[in-house]
Amino acid sequence: MRITQKTVALLIMFIFLFVVGTIIATRTVAYLDAGMSGSELKGFLVEVITYVIALTGWLFLFIYSYLKGDFKDIEAPKYEILEMEEKVIKAEKEGGKY
């Protein structure tokens, strides 16, 4: 795998967004801590932590997919599907289904 400037820029952008999101979440928790009781805050923290874990998973899947090259030619899959359909129709005609 070759690391290009585009890949580095993408990773820096995601790291920046993750850091900013963490700062916002921390400040939100501090703000809510001032006006919430202990049990309400714990429930809120469980929701926030679950959201952050899920978001991190999707982020890693996106980065993996990008580095694998899935976004280089986004038009190719539709042509492959059309070609496969033509082959299936041709095979069915030869088999006597049409």
PDB file of N, CA and C in Angstrom:
ATOM      1  N   MET A   1       0.858  -1.180   0.000  1.00  0.00           N
ATOM      2  CA  MET A   1       0.000   0.000   0.000  1.00  0.00           C
ATOM      3  C   MET A   1       0.900   1.238   0.000  1.00  0.00           C
ATOM      4  N   ARG A   2       0.605   2.126  -0.893  1.00  0.00           N
ATOM      5  CA  ARG A   2       1.375   3.356  -1.009  1.00  0.00           C
ATOM      6  C   ARG A   2       0.633   4.485  -0.313  1.00  0.00           C
ATOM      7  N   ILE A   3       1.352   5.242   0.490  1.00  0.00           N
ATOM      8  CA  ILE A   3       0.735   6.372   1.192  1.00  0.00           C
ATOM      9  C   ILE A   3       0.950   7.625   0.358  1.00  0.00           C
ATOM     10  N   THR A   4      -0.162   8.231  -0.052  1.00  0.00           N
ATOM     11  CA  THR A   4      -0.088   9.426  -0.884  1.00  0.00           C
ATOM     12  C   THR A   4      -0.427  10.655  -0.045  1.00  0.00           C
ATOM     13  N   GLN A   5      -0.261  11.809  -0.658  1.00  0.00           N
ATOM     14  CA  GLN A   5      -0.610  13.058   0.029  1.00  0.00           C
ATOM     15  C   GLN A   5      -2.101  13.105   0.335  1.00  0.00           C
ATOM     16  N   LYS A   6      -2.901  12.553  -0.548  1.00  0.00           N
ATOM     17  CA  LYS A   6      -4.343  12.529  -0.335  1.00  0.00           C
ATOM     18  C   LYS A   6      -4.697  11.702   0.900  1.00  0.00           C
ATOM     19  N   THR A   7      -4.029  10.572   1.062  1.00  0.00           N
ATOM     20  CA  THR A   7      -4.271   9.711   2.213  1.00  0.00           C
ATOM     21  C   THR A   7      -3.877  10.413   3.503  1.00  0.00           C
ATOM     22  N   VAL A   8      -2.732  11.059   3.499  1.00  0.00           N
ATOM     23  CA  VAL A   8      -2.271  11.775   4.684  1.00  0.00           C
ATOM     24  C   VAL A   8      -3.229  12.913   5.025  1.00  0.00           C
ATOM     25  N   ALA A   9      -3.676  13.641   4.011  1.00  0.00           N
ATOM     26  CA  ALA A   9      -4.618  14.740   4.243  1.00  0.00           C
ATOM     27  C   ALA A   9      -5.931  14.218   4.815  1.00  0.00           C
ATOM     28  N   LEU A  10      -6.401  13.096   4.309  1.00  0.00           N
ATOM     29  CA  LEU A  10      -7.638  12.501   4.807  1.00  0.00           C
ATOM     30  C   LEU A  10      -7.490  12.078   6.271  1.00  0.00           C
ATOM     31  N   LEU A  11      -6.385  11.447   6.596  1.00  0.00           N
ATOM     32  CA  LEU A  11      -6.161  11.027   7.978  1.00  0.00           C
ATOM     33  C   LEU A  11      -6.042  12.223   8.924  1.00  0.00           C
ATOM     34  N   ILE A  12      -5.366  13.257   8.491  1.00  0.00           N
ATOM     35  CA  ILE A  12      -5.249  14.461   9.318  1.00  0.00           C
ATOM     36  C   ILE A  12      -6.615  15.092   9.543  1.00  0.00           C
ATOM     37  N   MET A  13      -7.452  15.118   8.496  1.00  0.00           N
ATOM     38  CA  MET A  13      -8.792  15.677   8.637  1.00  0.00           C
ATOM     39  C   MET A  13      -9.614  14.879   9.651  1.00  0.00           C
ATOM     40  N   PHE A  14      -9.559  13.548   9.559  1.00  0.00           N
ATOM     41  CA  PHE A  14     -10.327  12.731  10.491  1.00  0.00           C
ATOM     42  C   PHE A  14      -9.812  12.854  11.918  1.00  0.00           C
ATOM     43  N   ILE A  15      -8.507  12.931  12.084  1.00  0.00           N
ATOM     44  CA  ILE A  15      -7.951  13.117  13.428  1.00  0.00           C
ATOM     45  C   ILE A  15      -8.403  14.455  13.988  1.00  0.00           C
ATOM     46  N   PHE A  16      -8.360  15.492  13.160  1.00  0.00           N
ATOM     47  CA  PHE A  16      -8.811  16.814  13.601  1.00  0.00           C
ATOM     48  C   PHE A  16     -10.275  16.783  14.019  1.00  0.00           C
ATOM     49  N   LEU A  17     -11.123  16.160  13.188  1.00  0.00           N
ATOM     50  CA  LEU A  17     -12.542  16.075  13.517  1.00  0.00           C
ATOM     51  C   LEU A  17     -12.777  15.272  14.786  1.00  0.00           C
ATOM     52  N   PHE A  18     -12.013  14.211  14.985  1.00  0.00           N
ATOM     53  CA  PHE A  18     -12.156  13.406  16.188  1.00  0.00           C
ATOM     54  C   PHE A  18     -11.763  14.208  17.433  1.00  0.00           C
ATOM     55  N   VAL A  19     -10.665  14.966  17.332  1.00  0.00           N
ATOM     56  CA  VAL A  19     -10.219  15.779  18.477  1.00  0.00           C
ATOM     57  C   VAL A  19     -11.247  16.865  18.780  1.00  0.00           C
ATOM     58  N   VAL A  20     -11.737  17.542  17.766  1.00  0.00           N
ATOM     59  CA  VAL A  20     -12.743  18.591  17.975  1.00  0.00           C
ATOM     60  C   VAL A  20     -14.012  17.991  18.568  1.00  0.00           C
ATOM     61  N   GLY A  21     -14.435  16.840  18.048  1.00  0.00           N
ATOM     62  CA  GLY A  21     -15.616  16.173  18.592  1.00  0.00           C
ATOM     63  C   GLY A  21     -15.439  15.775  20.032  1.00  0.00           C
ATOM     64  N   THR A  22     -14.249  15.315  20.387  1.00  0.00           N
ATOM     65  CA  THR A  22     -13.964  14.947  21.776  1.00  0.00           C
ATOM     66  C   THR A  22     -14.013  16.168  22.689  1.00  0.00           C
ATOM     67  N   ILE A  23     -13.473  17.271  22.225  1.00  0.00           N
ATOM     68  CA  ILE A  23     -13.513  18.501  23.029  1.00  0.00           C
ATOM     69  C   ILE A  23     -14.956  18.957  23.230  1.00  0.00           C
ATOM     70  N   ILE A  24     -15.749  18.907  22.171  1.00  0.00           N
ATOM     71  CA  ILE A  24     -17.148  19.306  22.287  1.00  0.00           C
ATOM     72  C   ILE A  24     -17.894  18.390  23.241  1.00  0.00           C
ATOM     73  N   ALA A  25     -17.656  17.080  23.131  1.00  0.00           N
ATOM     74  CA  ALA A  25     -18.321  16.128  24.026  1.00  0.00           C
ATOM     75  C   ALA A  25     -17.906  16.359  25.474  1.00  0.00           C
ATOM     76  N   THR A  26     -16.633  16.629  25.708  1.00  0.00           N
ATOM     77  CA  THR A  26     -16.143  16.879  27.068  1.00  0.00           C
ATOM     78  C   THR A  26     -16.784  18.124  27.653  1.00  0.00           C
ATOM     79  N   ARG A  27     -16.857  19.166  26.876  1.00  0.00           N
ATOM     80  CA  ARG A  27     -17.492  20.400  27.368  1.00  0.00           C
ATOM     81  C   ARG A  27     -18.986  20.210  27.605  1.00  0.00           C
ATOM     82  N   THR A  28     -19.622  19.415  26.763  1.00  0.00           N
ATOM     83  CA  THR A  28     -21.046  19.135  26.960  1.00  0.00           C
ATOM     84  C   THR A  28     -21.270  18.376  28.255  1.00  0.00           C
ATOM     85  N   VAL A  29     -20.420  17.389  28.508  1.00  0.00           N
ATOM     86  CA  VAL A  29     -20.540  16.624  29.747  1.00  0.00           C
ATOM     87  C   VAL A  29     -20.307  17.525  30.951  1.00  0.00           C
ATOM     88  N   ALA A  30     -19.323  18.408  30.868  1.00  0.00           N
ATOM     89  CA  ALA A  30     -19.061  19.324  31.981  1.00  0.00           C
ATOM     90  C   ALA A  30     -20.245  20.260  32.204  1.00  0.00           C
ATOM     91  N   TYR A  31     -20.840  20.716  31.122  1.00  0.00           N
ATOM     92  CA  TYR A  31     -22.003  21.593  31.230  1.00  0.00           C
ATOM     93  C   TYR A  31     -23.180  20.859  31.839  1.00  0.00           C
ATOM     94  N   LEU A  32     -23.405  19.632  31.372  1.00  0.00           N
ATOM     95  CA  LEU A  32     -24.535  18.859  31.886  1.00  0.00           C
ATOM     96  C   LEU A  32     -24.294  18.383  33.316  1.00  0.00           C
ATOM     97  N   ASP A  33     -23.030  18.194  33.666  1.00  0.00           N
ATOM     98  CA  ASP A  33     -22.704  17.756  35.020  1.00  0.00           C
ATOM     99  C   ASP A  33     -23.096  18.814  36.041  1.00  0.00           C
ATOM    100  N   ALA A  34     -23.038  20.052  35.633  1.00  0.00           N
ATOM    101  CA  ALA A  34     -23.382  21.139  36.552  1.00  0.00           C
ATOM    102  C   ALA A  34     -24.872  21.139  36.881  1.00  0.00           C
ATOM    103  N   GLY A  35     -25.713  20.623  35.974  1.00  0.00           N
ATOM    104  CA  GLY A  35     -27.141  20.699  36.208  1.00  0.00           C
ATOM    105  C   GLY A  35     -27.849  19.356  36.300  1.00  0.00           C
ATOM    106  N   MET A  36     -27.104  18.243  36.318  1.00  0.00           N
ATOM    107  CA  MET A  36     -27.730  16.928  36.360  1.00  0.00           C
ATOM    108  C   MET A  36     -27.352  16.203  37.645  1.00  0.00           C
ATOM    109  N   SER A  37     -28.215  15.293  38.051  1.00  0.00           N
ATOM    110  CA  SER A  37     -27.875  14.447  39.188  1.00  0.00           C
ATOM    111  C   SER A  37     -26.974  13.314  38.701  1.00  0.00           C
ATOM    112  N   GLY A  38     -26.432  12.542  39.606  1.00  0.00           N
ATOM    113  CA  GLY A  38     -25.476  11.497  39.274  1.00  0.00           C
ATOM    114  C   GLY A  38     -26.021  10.430  38.350  1.00  0.00           C
ATOM    115  N   SER A  39     -27.239   9.954  38.612  1.00  0.00           N
ATOM    116  CA  SER A  39     -27.786   8.871  37.792  1.00  0.00           C
ATOM    117  C   SER A  39     -28.116   9.354  36.380  1.00  0.00           C
ATOM    118  N   GLU A  40     -28.599  10.576  36.247  1.00  0.00           N
ATOM    119  CA  GLU A  40     -28.894  11.114  34.916  1.00  0.00           C
ATOM    120  C   GLU A  40     -27.615  11.279  34.103  1.00  0.00           C
ATOM    121  N   LEU A  41     -26.553  11.723  34.761  1.00  0.00           N
ATOM    122  CA  LEU A  41     -25.277  11.919  34.076  1.00  0.00           C
ATOM    123  C   LEU A  41     -24.703  10.582  33.617  1.00  0.00           C
ATOM    124  N   LYS A  42     -24.820   9.551  34.443  1.00  0.00           N
ATOM    125  CA  LYS A  42     -24.302   8.240  34.061  1.00  0.00           C
ATOM    126  C   LYS A  42     -25.027   7.713  32.824  1.00  0.00           C
ATOM    127  N   GLY A  43     -26.329   7.874  32.782  1.00  0.00           N
ATOM    128  CA  GLY A  43     -27.091   7.448  31.605  1.00  0.00           C
ATOM    129  C   GLY A  43     -26.677   8.201  30.360  1.00  0.00           C
ATOM    130  N   PHE A  44     -26.462   9.503  30.513  1.00  0.00           N
ATOM    131  CA  PHE A  44     -26.027  10.319  29.387  1.00  0.00           C
ATOM    132  C   PHE A  44     -24.643   9.890  28.914  1.00  0.00           C
ATOM    133  N   LEU A  45     -23.744   9.607  29.851  1.00  0.00           N
ATOM    134  CA  LEU A  45     -22.393   9.189  29.481  1.00  0.00           C
ATOM    135  C   LEU A  45     -22.403   7.856  28.746  1.00  0.00           C
ATOM    136  N   VAL A  46     -23.275   6.950  29.143  1.00  0.00           N
ATOM    137  CA  VAL A  46     -23.380   5.669  28.444  1.00  0.00           C
ATOM    138  C   VAL A  46     -23.794   5.910  26.995  1.00  0.00           C
ATOM    139  N   GLU A  47     -24.747   6.792  26.783  1.00  0.00           N
ATOM    140  CA  GLU A  47     -25.180   7.103  25.418  1.00  0.00           C
ATOM    141  C   GLU A  47     -24.062   7.740  24.606  1.00  0.00           C
ATOM    142  N   VAL A  48     -23.347   8.687  25.199  1.00  0.00           N
ATOM    143  CA  VAL A  48     -22.267   9.377  24.490  1.00  0.00           C
ATOM    144  C   VAL A  48     -21.147   8.402  24.153  1.00  0.00           C
ATOM    145  N   ILE A  49     -20.761   7.567  25.103  1.00  0.00           N
ATOM    146  CA  ILE A  49     -19.670   6.623  24.868  1.00  0.00           C
ATOM    147  C   ILE A  49     -20.065   5.617  23.786  1.00  0.00           C
ATOM    148  N   THR A  50     -21.292   5.147  23.817  1.00  0.00           N
ATOM    149  CA  THR A  50     -21.767   4.223  22.786  1.00  0.00           C
ATOM    150  C   THR A  50     -21.725   4.881  21.419  1.00  0.00           C
ATOM    151  N   TYR A  51     -22.156   6.124  21.349  1.00  0.00           N
ATOM    152  CA  TYR A  51     -22.132   6.851  20.089  1.00  0.00           C
ATOM    153  C   TYR A  51     -20.703   7.017  19.578  1.00  0.00           C
ATOM    154  N   VAL A  52     -19.780   7.360  20.451  1.00  0.00           N
ATOM    155  CA  VAL A  52     -18.391   7.567  20.046  1.00  0.00           C
ATOM    156  C   VAL A  52     -17.778   6.253  19.561  1.00  0.00           C
ATOM    157  N   ILE A  53     -18.072   5.144  20.230  1.00  0.00           N
ATOM    158  CA  ILE A  53     -17.547   3.847  19.801  1.00  0.00           C
ATOM    159  C   ILE A  53     -18.092   3.484  18.421  1.00  0.00           C
ATOM    160  N   ALA A  54     -19.387   3.664  18.219  1.00  0.00           N
ATOM    161  CA  ALA A  54     -19.991   3.351  16.916  1.00  0.00           C
ATOM    162  C   ALA A  54     -19.407   4.254  15.828  1.00  0.00           C
ATOM    163  N   LEU A  55     -19.264   5.531  16.120  1.00  0.00           N
ATOM    164  CA  LEU A  55     -18.701   6.468  15.149  1.00  0.00           C
ATOM    165  C   LEU A  55     -17.269   6.100  14.801  1.00  0.00           C
ATOM    166  N   THR A  56     -16.496   5.694  15.784  1.00  0.00           N
ATOM    167  CA  THR A  56     -15.110   5.292  15.542  1.00  0.00           C
ATOM    168  C   THR A  56     -15.059   4.058  14.653  1.00  0.00           C
ATOM    169  N   GLY A  57     -15.968   3.112  14.891  1.00  0.00           N
ATOM    170  CA  GLY A  57     -16.015   1.922  14.038  1.00  0.00           C
ATOM    171  C   GLY A  57     -16.311   2.266  12.595  1.00  0.00           C
ATOM    172  N   TRP A  58     -17.296   3.118  12.371  1.00  0.00           N
ATOM    173  CA  TRP A  58     -17.626   3.533  11.005  1.00  0.00           C
ATOM    174  C   TRP A  58     -16.463   4.297  10.377  1.00  0.00           C
ATOM    175  N   LEU A  59     -15.782   5.105  11.180  1.00  0.00           N
ATOM    176  CA  LEU A  59     -14.636   5.857  10.678  1.00  0.00           C
ATOM    177  C   LEU A  59     -13.537   4.906  10.211  1.00  0.00           C
ATOM    178  N   PHE A  60     -13.233   3.886  11.017  1.00  0.00           N
ATOM    179  CA  PHE A  60     -12.207   2.925  10.622  1.00  0.00           C
ATOM    180  C   PHE A  60     -12.622   2.141   9.375  1.00  0.00           C
ATOM    181  N   LEU A  61     -13.907   1.791   9.264  1.00  0.00           N
ATOM    182  CA  LEU A  61     -14.378   1.109   8.063  1.00  0.00           C
ATOM    183  C   LEU A  61     -14.235   1.991   6.831  1.00  0.00           C
ATOM    184  N   PHE A  62     -14.545   3.277   6.978  1.00  0.00           N
ATOM    185  CA  PHE A  62     -14.401   4.205   5.854  1.00  0.00           C
ATOM    186  C   PHE A  62     -12.943   4.343   5.448  1.00  0.00           C
ATOM    187  N   ILE A  63     -12.054   4.504   6.420  1.00  0.00           N
ATOM    188  CA  ILE A  63     -10.629   4.656   6.119  1.00  0.00           C
ATOM    189  C   ILE A  63     -10.098   3.390   5.454  1.00  0.00           C
ATOM    190  N   TYR A  64     -10.476   2.219   5.978  1.00  0.00           N
ATOM    191  CA  TYR A  64     -10.045   0.953   5.385  1.00  0.00           C
ATOM    192  C   TYR A  64     -10.519   0.854   3.936  1.00  0.00           C
ATOM    193  N   SER A  65     -11.763   1.197   3.717  1.00  0.00           N
ATOM    194  CA  SER A  65     -12.322   1.126   2.369  1.00  0.00           C
ATOM    195  C   SER A  65     -11.620   2.105   1.438  1.00  0.00           C
ATOM    196  N   TYR A  66     -11.318   3.286   1.933  1.00  0.00           N
ATOM    197  CA  TYR A  66     -10.627   4.288   1.118  1.00  0.00           C
ATOM    198  C   TYR A  66      -9.220   3.822   0.774  1.00  0.00           C
ATOM    199  N   LEU A  67      -8.503   3.309   1.764  1.00  0.00           N
ATOM    200  CA  LEU A  67      -7.138   2.863   1.523  1.00  0.00           C
ATOM    201  C   LEU A  67      -7.097   1.624   0.627  1.00  0.00           C
ATOM    202  N   LYS A  68      -8.135   0.811   0.665  1.00  0.00           N
ATOM    203  CA  LYS A  68      -8.226  -0.372  -0.188  1.00  0.00           C
ATOM    204  C   LYS A  68      -8.489   0.023  -1.637  1.00  0.00           C
ATOM    205  N   GLY A  69      -9.007   1.224  -1.855  1.00  0.00           N
ATOM    206  CA  GLY A  69      -9.225   1.718  -3.213  1.00  0.00           C
ATOM    207  C   GLY A  69     -10.645   1.577  -3.709  1.00  0.00           C
ATOM    208  N   ASP A  70     -11.587   1.407  -2.809  1.00  0.00           N
ATOM    209  CA  ASP A  70     -12.977   1.230  -3.221  1.00  0.00           C
ATOM    210  C   ASP A  70     -13.591   2.493  -3.824  1.00  0.00           C
ATOM    211  N   PHE A  71     -13.010   3.642  -3.591  1.00  0.00           N
ATOM    212  CA  PHE A  71     -13.586   4.895  -4.078  1.00  0.00           C
ATOM    213  C   PHE A  71     -12.862   5.434  -5.316  1.00  0.00           C
ATOM    214  N   LYS A  72     -11.946   4.661  -5.867  1.00  0.00           N
ATOM    215  CA  LYS A  72     -11.199   5.140  -7.030  1.00  0.00           C
ATOM    216  C   LYS A  72     -12.042   5.128  -8.292  1.00  0.00           C
ATOM    217  N   ASP A  73     -12.818   4.064  -8.496  1.00  0.00           N
ATOM    218  CA  ASP A  73     -13.662   3.973  -9.679  1.00  0.00           C
ATOM    219  C   ASP A  73     -15.058   3.559  -9.235  1.00  0.00           C
ATOM    220  N   ILE A  74     -15.873   4.552  -8.915  1.00  0.00           N
ATOM    221  CA  ILE A  74     -17.195   4.250  -8.376  1.00  0.00           C
ATOM    222  C   ILE A  74     -18.199   3.918  -9.469  1.00  0.00           C
ATOM    223  N   GLU A  75     -17.836   4.099 -10.722  1.00  0.00           N
ATOM    224  CA  GLU A  75     -18.742   3.816 -11.825  1.00  0.00           C
ATOM    225  C   GLU A  75     -18.652   2.365 -12.285  1.00  0.00           C
ATOM    226  N   ALA A  76     -17.557   1.684 -12.012  1.00  0.00           N
ATOM    227  CA  ALA A  76     -17.332   0.335 -12.534  1.00  0.00           C
ATOM    228  C   ALA A  76     -18.366  -0.691 -12.062  1.00  0.00           C
ATOM    229  N   PRO A  77     -18.791  -0.698 -10.796  1.00  0.00           N
ATOM    230  CA  PRO A  77     -19.734  -1.739 -10.363  1.00  0.00           C
ATOM    231  C   PRO A  77     -21.043  -1.758 -11.147  1.00  0.00           C
ATOM    232  N   LYS A  78     -21.571  -0.614 -11.531  1.00  0.00           N
ATOM    233  CA  LYS A  78     -22.840  -0.636 -12.262  1.00  0.00           C
ATOM    234  C   LYS A  78     -22.671  -1.252 -13.641  1.00  0.00           C
ATOM    235  N   TYR A  79     -21.514  -1.029 -14.281  1.00  0.00           N
ATOM    236  CA  TYR A  79     -21.272  -1.648 -15.576  1.00  0.00           C
ATOM    237  C   TYR A  79     -21.061  -3.155 -15.437  1.00  0.00           C
ATOM    238  N   GLU A  80     -20.400  -3.568 -14.348  1.00  0.00           N
ATOM    239  CA  GLU A  80     -20.217  -4.997 -14.104  1.00  0.00           C
ATOM    240  C   GLU A  80     -21.560  -5.691 -13.904  1.00  0.00           C
ATOM    241  N   ILE A  81     -22.469  -5.054 -13.186  1.00  0.00           N
ATOM    242  CA  ILE A  81     -23.796  -5.628 -12.963  1.00  0.00           C
ATOM    243  C   ILE A  81     -24.551  -5.754 -14.290  1.00  0.00           C
ATOM    244  N   LEU A  82     -24.476  -4.719 -15.121  1.00  0.00           N
ATOM    245  CA  LEU A  82     -25.146  -4.777 -16.423  1.00  0.00           C
ATOM    246  C   LEU A  82     -24.566  -5.880 -17.300  1.00  0.00           C
ATOM    247  N   GLU A  83     -23.239  -6.033 -17.284  1.00  0.00           N
ATOM    248  CA  GLU A  83     -22.611  -7.102 -18.055  1.00  0.00           C
ATOM    249  C   GLU A  83     -23.012  -8.471 -17.530  1.00  0.00           C
ATOM    250  N   MET A  84     -23.092  -8.632 -16.216  1.00  0.00           N
ATOM    251  CA  MET A  84     -23.517  -9.906 -15.640  1.00  0.00           C
ATOM    252  C   MET A  84     -24.960 -10.210 -16.014  1.00  0.00           C
ATOM    253  N   GLU A  85     -25.811  -9.191 -16.029  1.00  0.00           N
ATOM    254  CA  GLU A  85     -27.210  -9.393 -16.417  1.00  0.00           C
ATOM    255  C   GLU A  85     -27.308  -9.858 -17.865  1.00  0.00           C
ATOM    256  N   GLU A  86     -26.520  -9.257 -18.738  1.00  0.00           N
ATOM    257  CA  GLU A  86     -26.523  -9.675 -20.135  1.00  0.00           C
ATOM    258  C   GLU A  86     -26.077 -11.129 -20.277  1.00  0.00           C
ATOM    259  N   LYS A  87     -25.070 -11.539 -19.499  1.00  0.00           N
ATOM    260  CA  LYS A  87     -24.604 -12.922 -19.543  1.00  0.00           C
ATOM    261  C   LYS A  87     -25.681 -13.880 -19.047  1.00  0.00           C
ATOM    262  N   VAL A  88     -26.387 -13.491 -17.989  1.00  0.00           N
ATOM    263  CA  VAL A  88     -27.454 -14.340 -17.453  1.00  0.00           C
ATOM    264  C   VAL A  88     -28.584 -14.486 -18.469  1.00  0.00           C
ATOM    265  N   ILE A  89     -28.981 -13.394 -19.083  1.00  0.00           N
ATOM    266  CA  ILE A  89     -30.053 -13.443 -20.089  1.00  0.00           C
ATOM    267  C   ILE A  89     -29.623 -14.312 -21.269  1.00  0.00           C
ATOM    268  N   LYS A  90     -28.377 -14.169 -21.700  1.00  0.00           N
ATOM    269  CA  LYS A  90     -27.871 -14.973 -22.810  1.00  0.00           C
ATOM    270  C   LYS A  90     -27.868 -16.458 -22.441  1.00  0.00           C
ATOM    271  N   ALA A  91     -27.430 -16.766 -21.221  1.00  0.00           N
ATOM    272  CA  ALA A  91     -27.398 -18.163 -20.769  1.00  0.00           C
ATOM    273  C   ALA A  91     -28.806 -18.730 -20.651  1.00  0.00           C
ATOM    274  N   GLU A  92     -29.758 -17.923 -20.201  1.00  0.00           N
ATOM    275  CA  GLU A  92     -31.141 -18.392 -20.092  1.00  0.00           C
ATOM    276  C   GLU A  92     -31.766 -18.608 -21.466  1.00  0.00           C
ATOM    277  N   LYS A  93     -31.421 -17.780 -22.443  1.00  0.00           N
ATOM    278  CA  LYS A  93     -31.937 -17.964 -23.804  1.00  0.00           C
ATOM    279  C   LYS A  93     -31.393 -19.245 -24.395  1.00  0.00           C
ATOM    280  N   GLU A  94     -30.104 -19.498 -24.141  1.00  0.00           N
ATOM    281  CA  GLU A  94     -29.499 -20.732 -24.659  1.00  0.00           C
ATOM    282  C   GLU A  94     -30.079 -21.959 -23.966  1.00  0.00           C
ATOM    283  N   GLY A  95     -30.478 -21.819 -22.715  1.00  0.00           N
ATOM    284  CA  GLY A  95     -31.042 -22.941 -21.976  1.00  0.00           C
ATOM    285  C   GLY A  95     -32.517 -23.144 -22.236  1.00  0.00           C
ATOM    286  N   GLY A  96     -33.159 -22.257 -22.969  1.00  0.00           N
ATOM    287  CA  GLY A  96     -34.552 -22.411 -23.340  1.00  0.00           C
ATOM    288  C   GLY A  96     -35.522 -21.822 -22.338  1.00  0.00           C
ATOM    289  N   LYS A  97     -35.072 -20.938 -21.474  1.00  0.00           N
ATOM    290  CA  LYS A  97     -35.997 -20.328 -20.510  1.00  0.00           C
ATOM    291  C   LYS A  97     -36.739 -19.148 -21.113  1.00  0.00           C
ATOM    292  N   TYR A  98     -36.208 -18.562 -22.155  1.00  0.00           N
ATOM    293  CA  TYR A  98     -36.884 -17.432 -22.809  1.00  0.00           C
ATOM    294  C   TYR A  98     -37.537 -17.883 -24.076  1.00  0.00           C
TER     295      TYR A  98
END
